[in-house]
């Protein structure tokens, strides 16, 4: 999308902060671990709690549980519990969660281009 296309689209976004889709999306990604959990789930079709925890250096069980629960409540991920002993639980992105991939891609492009400059 070009800058001109964005400027044409921007008036549609100029609504109350509570209704702005950009602000609401950023709020959805708010939190130290939220975006990292979504990113890890984008890499795997399904993943179990323990494997996900291994991918997220420094996260506690409680924080991972809370982050997963929050994302499940927002329909970004789905949790499937299998009635086995021991209980097996797998996490994956919902269709809505998977559609966040282009957002992460664009953020990656922007970060690659500008974050090094911002750190200098």
C-alpha atoms as a PDB file:
ATOM      1  CA  UNK A   1       0.000   0.000   0.000  1.00  0.00           C
ATOM      2  CA  UNK A   2       1.428   3.365  -0.946  1.00  0.00           C
ATOM      3  CA  UNK A   3       1.479   6.441   1.268  1.00  0.00           C
ATOM      4  CA  UNK A   4      -1.161   8.051  -0.931  1.00  0.00           C
ATOM      5  CA  UNK A   5      -3.434   5.024  -0.607  1.00  0.00           C
ATOM      6  CA  UNK A   6      -2.999   5.130   3.158  1.00  0.00           C
ATOM      7  CA  UNK A   7      -3.830   8.857   3.277  1.00  0.00           C
ATOM      8  CA  UNK A   8      -6.995   8.138   1.292  1.00  0.00           C
ATOM      9  CA  UNK A   9      -7.929   5.370   3.726  1.00  0.00           C
ATOM     10  CA  UNK A  10      -7.008   7.292   6.921  1.00  0.00           C
ATOM     11  CA  UNK A  11     -10.236   9.313   7.227  1.00  0.00           C
ATOM     12  CA  UNK A  12     -12.052   5.997   7.732  1.00  0.00           C
ATOM     13  CA  UNK A  13      -9.777   5.338  10.707  1.00  0.00           C
ATOM     14  CA  UNK A  14     -10.312   8.744  12.299  1.00  0.00           C
ATOM     15  CA  UNK A  15     -12.985   7.631  14.702  1.00  0.00           C
ATOM     16  CA  UNK A  16     -13.187   7.491  18.477  1.00  0.00           C
ATOM     17  CA  UNK A  17     -10.142   5.817  19.987  1.00  0.00           C
ATOM     18  CA  UNK A  18     -12.318   2.999  21.329  1.00  0.00           C
ATOM     19  CA  UNK A  19     -13.498   2.222  17.797  1.00  0.00           C
ATOM     20  CA  UNK A  20     -10.219   2.729  15.884  1.00  0.00           C
ATOM     21  CA  UNK A  21      -9.170  -0.635  14.380  1.00  0.00           C
ATOM     22  CA  UNK A  22      -5.465   0.266  14.556  1.00  0.00           C
ATOM     23  CA  UNK A  23      -5.603   1.145  18.259  1.00  0.00           C
ATOM     24  CA  UNK A  24      -7.714  -1.919  19.048  1.00  0.00           C
ATOM     25  CA  UNK A  25      -5.297  -4.215  17.172  1.00  0.00           C
ATOM     26  CA  UNK A  26      -2.311  -2.719  18.985  1.00  0.00           C
ATOM     27  CA  UNK A  27      -4.118  -3.198  22.300  1.00  0.00           C
ATOM     28  CA  UNK A  28      -4.741  -6.830  21.370  1.00  0.00           C
ATOM     29  CA  UNK A  29      -0.982  -7.298  20.880  1.00  0.00           C
ATOM     30  CA  UNK A  30      -0.177  -5.426  24.091  1.00  0.00           C
ATOM     31  CA  UNK A  31       1.796  -7.270  26.721  1.00  0.00           C
ATOM     32  CA  UNK A  32       5.323  -8.580  26.887  1.00  0.00           C
ATOM     33  CA  UNK A  33       4.476 -12.114  25.737  1.00  0.00           C
ATOM     34  CA  UNK A  34       1.369 -11.784  23.565  1.00  0.00           C
ATOM     35  CA  UNK A  35       3.047 -11.065  20.233  1.00  0.00           C
ATOM     36  CA  UNK A  36       5.768 -13.625  20.971  1.00  0.00           C
ATOM     37  CA  UNK A  37       3.181 -16.336  21.644  1.00  0.00           C
ATOM     38  CA  UNK A  38       1.317 -15.501  18.422  1.00  0.00           C
ATOM     39  CA  UNK A  39       4.604 -15.519  16.512  1.00  0.00           C
ATOM     40  CA  UNK A  40       5.511 -18.961  17.871  1.00  0.00           C
ATOM     41  CA  UNK A  41       2.062 -20.310  17.049  1.00  0.00           C
ATOM     42  CA  UNK A  42       2.456 -19.033  13.487  1.00  0.00           C
ATOM     43  CA  UNK A  43       5.578 -21.202  13.162  1.00  0.00           C
ATOM     44  CA  UNK A  44       3.824 -24.423  14.231  1.00  0.00           C
ATOM     45  CA  UNK A  45       0.524 -25.902  13.120  1.00  0.00           C
ATOM     46  CA  UNK A  46      -0.104 -27.085  16.691  1.00  0.00           C
ATOM     47  CA  UNK A  47       2.065 -26.981  19.783  1.00  0.00           C
ATOM     48  CA  UNK A  48       1.808 -28.236  23.324  1.00  0.00           C
ATOM     49  CA  UNK A  49       2.265 -26.062  26.394  1.00  0.00           C
ATOM     50  CA  UNK A  50       5.707 -27.437  27.315  1.00  0.00           C
ATOM     51  CA  UNK A  51       7.088 -27.037  23.807  1.00  0.00           C
ATOM     52  CA  UNK A  52       5.734 -23.510  23.572  1.00  0.00           C
ATOM     53  CA  UNK A  53       7.322 -22.646  26.929  1.00  0.00           C
ATOM     54  CA  UNK A  54      10.699 -23.899  25.662  1.00  0.00           C
ATOM     55  CA  UNK A  55      10.445 -21.483  22.720  1.00  0.00           C
ATOM     56  CA  UNK A  56       9.789 -18.503  25.011  1.00  0.00           C
ATOM     57  CA  UNK A  57      12.895 -17.959  27.107  1.00  0.00           C
ATOM     58  CA  UNK A  58      12.094 -16.520  30.528  1.00  0.00           C
ATOM     59  CA  UNK A  59       8.310 -16.917  30.542  1.00  0.00           C
ATOM     60  CA  UNK A  60       6.756 -18.437  33.659  1.00  0.00           C
ATOM     61  CA  UNK A  61       4.061 -21.116  33.598  1.00  0.00           C
ATOM     62  CA  UNK A  62       1.587 -18.629  35.071  1.00  0.00           C
ATOM     63  CA  UNK A  63       2.343 -15.916  32.517  1.00  0.00           C
ATOM     64  CA  UNK A  64       2.129 -18.374  29.622  1.00  0.00           C
ATOM     65  CA  UNK A  65      -1.164 -19.764  30.938  1.00  0.00           C
ATOM     66  CA  UNK A  66      -2.605 -16.268  31.336  1.00  0.00           C
ATOM     67  CA  UNK A  67      -1.439 -15.187  27.878  1.00  0.00           C
ATOM     68  CA  UNK A  68      -2.892 -18.294  26.247  1.00  0.00           C
ATOM     69  CA  UNK A  69      -6.186 -17.873  28.099  1.00  0.00           C
ATOM     70  CA  UNK A  70      -6.400 -14.223  27.043  1.00  0.00           C
ATOM     71  CA  UNK A  71      -5.729 -15.072  23.394  1.00  0.00           C
ATOM     72  CA  UNK A  72      -8.253 -17.906  23.517  1.00  0.00           C
ATOM     73  CA  UNK A  73     -10.908 -15.549  24.920  1.00  0.00           C
ATOM     74  CA  UNK A  74     -10.211 -13.178  22.008  1.00  0.00           C
ATOM     75  CA  UNK A  75     -10.520 -16.057  19.497  1.00  0.00           C
ATOM     76  CA  UNK A  76      -6.918 -15.661  18.312  1.00  0.00           C
ATOM     77  CA  UNK A  77      -5.958 -19.188  19.360  1.00  0.00           C
ATOM     78  CA  UNK A  78      -7.822 -22.399  20.017  1.00  0.00           C
ATOM     79  CA  UNK A  79      -7.124 -24.871  22.766  1.00  0.00           C
ATOM     80  CA  UNK A  80      -7.862 -28.542  22.204  1.00  0.00           C
ATOM     81  CA  UNK A  81      -7.861 -30.866  25.183  1.00  0.00           C
ATOM     82  CA  UNK A  82      -7.728 -34.585  24.499  1.00  0.00           C
ATOM     83  CA  UNK A  83      -9.302 -36.951  26.989  1.00  0.00           C
ATOM     84  CA  UNK A  84      -6.214 -39.047  27.562  1.00  0.00           C
ATOM     85  CA  UNK A  85      -4.110 -39.871  30.560  1.00  0.00           C
ATOM     86  CA  UNK A  86      -2.059 -37.854  31.039  1.00  0.00           C
ATOM     87  CA  UNK A  87      -4.206 -35.059  29.611  1.00  0.00           C
ATOM     88  CA  UNK A  88      -2.864 -33.685  26.347  1.00  0.00           C
ATOM     89  CA  UNK A  89      -3.565 -30.064  25.381  1.00  0.00           C
ATOM     90  CA  UNK A  90      -2.598 -28.508  22.057  1.00  0.00           C
ATOM     91  CA  UNK A  91      -2.727 -24.890  20.963  1.00  0.00           C
ATOM     92  CA  UNK A  92      -3.022 -23.487  17.467  1.00  0.00           C
ATOM     93  CA  UNK A  93      -4.074 -20.294  15.763  1.00  0.00           C
ATOM     94  CA  UNK A  94      -7.652 -19.823  14.694  1.00  0.00           C
ATOM     95  CA  UNK A  95      -8.379 -18.562  11.192  1.00  0.00           C
ATOM     96  CA  UNK A  96      -8.575 -15.055  12.656  1.00  0.00           C
ATOM     97  CA  UNK A  97      -5.214 -15.525  14.389  1.00  0.00           C
ATOM     98  CA  UNK A  98      -3.613 -16.849  11.227  1.00  0.00           C
ATOM     99  CA  UNK A  99      -4.722 -13.772   9.351  1.00  0.00           C
ATOM    100  CA  UNK A 100      -2.378 -11.752  11.569  1.00  0.00           C
ATOM    101  CA  UNK A 101       0.618 -13.161   9.648  1.00  0.00           C
ATOM    102  CA  UNK A 102       0.668 -10.277   7.116  1.00  0.00           C
ATOM    103  CA  UNK A 103       0.731  -7.814  10.037  1.00  0.00           C
ATOM    104  CA  UNK A 104       3.789  -9.536  11.475  1.00  0.00           C
ATOM    105  CA  UNK A 105       5.391  -9.619   8.032  1.00  0.00           C
ATOM    106  CA  UNK A 106       4.916  -5.876   7.521  1.00  0.00           C
ATOM    107  CA  UNK A 107       6.200  -5.186  11.031  1.00  0.00           C
ATOM    108  CA  UNK A 108       9.256  -7.299  10.204  1.00  0.00           C
ATOM    109  CA  UNK A 109       9.946  -5.264   7.081  1.00  0.00           C
ATOM    110  CA  UNK A 110       9.577  -2.003   8.978  1.00  0.00           C
ATOM    111  CA  UNK A 111      11.715  -3.228  11.872  1.00  0.00           C
ATOM    112  CA  UNK A 112      14.462  -4.454   9.567  1.00  0.00           C
ATOM    113  CA  UNK A 113      14.526  -1.102   7.826  1.00  0.00           C
ATOM    114  CA  UNK A 114      14.274   1.273  10.793  1.00  0.00           C
ATOM    115  CA  UNK A 115      15.026  -0.292  14.186  1.00  0.00           C
ATOM    116  CA  UNK A 116      18.785  -0.352  13.692  1.00  0.00           C
ATOM    117  CA  UNK A 117      18.636   3.386  12.925  1.00  0.00           C
ATOM    118  CA  UNK A 118      16.446   4.015  15.990  1.00  0.00           C
ATOM    119  CA  UNK A 119      18.937   2.204  18.240  1.00  0.00           C
ATOM    120  CA  UNK A 120      21.863   4.341  17.031  1.00  0.00           C
END
